[in-house]
Amino acid sequence: MKISVGLSKDQAERLRHVASRLGVRPEDVARAGVADLPTQPEEDFQRAAEYVLKKNEELYRRLA
C-alpha cells in the first residue's frame, strides 16, 4: 500500500536529519516509525501502571 503524508517544513527537515544520521532514506525512517507505533503502550495505560506501581511501592518492596 502506498500512502502520501503531508509534513511541515520543520517535520520534513527533522525526518531528513534523522535519516541522514542513520544513513537511510527518509521513507525508511517514516516506515519504521509507523511500524513501531502499535507497539507503544497507550498513554492512559502507562499513567495507570505508573500510579499503581508508585501507590504500592512499599508493598512490592516488602514482598520482594
Protein backbone atom coordinates (compact mmCIF):
# COMPACT_ATOMS: atom_id res chain seq x y z
CA MET A 1 0.00 0.00 0.00
CA LYS A 2 1.27 3.46 -0.81
CA ILE A 3 0.24 6.41 1.37
CA SER A 4 1.15 10.05 0.91
CA VAL A 5 1.57 12.19 4.02
CA GLY A 6 1.98 15.95 4.18
CA LEU A 7 4.69 17.21 6.54
CA SER A 8 5.51 20.70 7.68
CA LYS A 9 8.90 22.07 6.64
CA ASP A 10 10.18 21.50 10.17
CA GLN A 11 8.93 17.90 10.27
CA ALA A 12 10.44 17.16 6.86
CA GLU A 13 13.77 18.64 7.91
CA ARG A 14 13.83 16.59 11.12
CA LEU A 15 12.98 13.46 9.14
CA ARG A 16 15.79 14.16 6.66
CA HIS A 17 18.21 14.85 9.53
CA VAL A 18 17.41 11.56 11.30
CA ALA A 19 17.62 9.64 8.02
CA SER A 20 20.98 11.22 7.20
CA ARG A 21 22.34 10.43 10.65
CA LEU A 22 21.25 6.79 10.28
CA GLY A 23 22.39 6.50 6.68
CA VAL A 24 18.96 5.54 5.35
CA ARG A 25 16.26 7.14 3.24
CA PRO A 26 13.65 9.39 4.91
CA GLU A 27 10.99 6.94 3.71
CA ASP A 28 12.66 4.17 5.69
CA VAL A 29 12.63 6.25 8.88
CA ALA A 30 8.94 7.07 8.38
CA ARG A 31 8.12 3.41 7.68
CA ALA A 32 9.95 2.33 10.85
CA GLY A 33 8.04 4.91 12.90
CA VAL A 34 4.70 3.71 11.57
CA ALA A 35 5.65 0.07 12.20
CA ASP A 36 6.70 0.88 15.77
CA LEU A 37 3.60 2.90 16.68
CA PRO A 38 1.25 -0.01 17.51
CA THR A 39 3.81 -1.48 19.91
CA GLN A 40 3.83 1.62 22.13
CA PRO A 41 1.68 1.37 25.26
CA GLU A 42 -1.39 3.54 25.40
CA GLU A 43 -0.79 6.75 27.36
CA ASP A 44 -3.68 6.01 29.74
CA PHE A 45 -2.33 2.54 30.45
CA GLN A 46 1.15 3.92 31.06
CA ARG A 47 -0.17 6.50 33.55
CA ALA A 48 -2.27 3.89 35.35
CA ALA A 49 0.64 1.46 35.59
CA GLU A 50 2.91 4.17 37.00
CA TYR A 51 0.24 5.14 39.55
CA VAL A 52 -0.25 1.55 40.73
CA LEU A 53 3.48 0.93 40.99
CA LYS A 54 4.04 4.13 42.98
CA LYS A 55 0.99 3.56 45.20
CA ASN A 56 2.06 0.00 46.07
CA GLU A 57 5.81 0.61 46.08
CA GLU A 58 6.26 -0.23 49.78
CA LEU A 59 4.17 -3.40 49.49
CA TYR A 60 6.17 -4.61 46.48
CA ARG A 61 9.44 -3.84 48.29
CA ARG A 62 8.35 -5.93 51.28
CA LEU A 63 7.21 -8.82 49.11
CA ALA A 64 10.46 -8.88 47.14
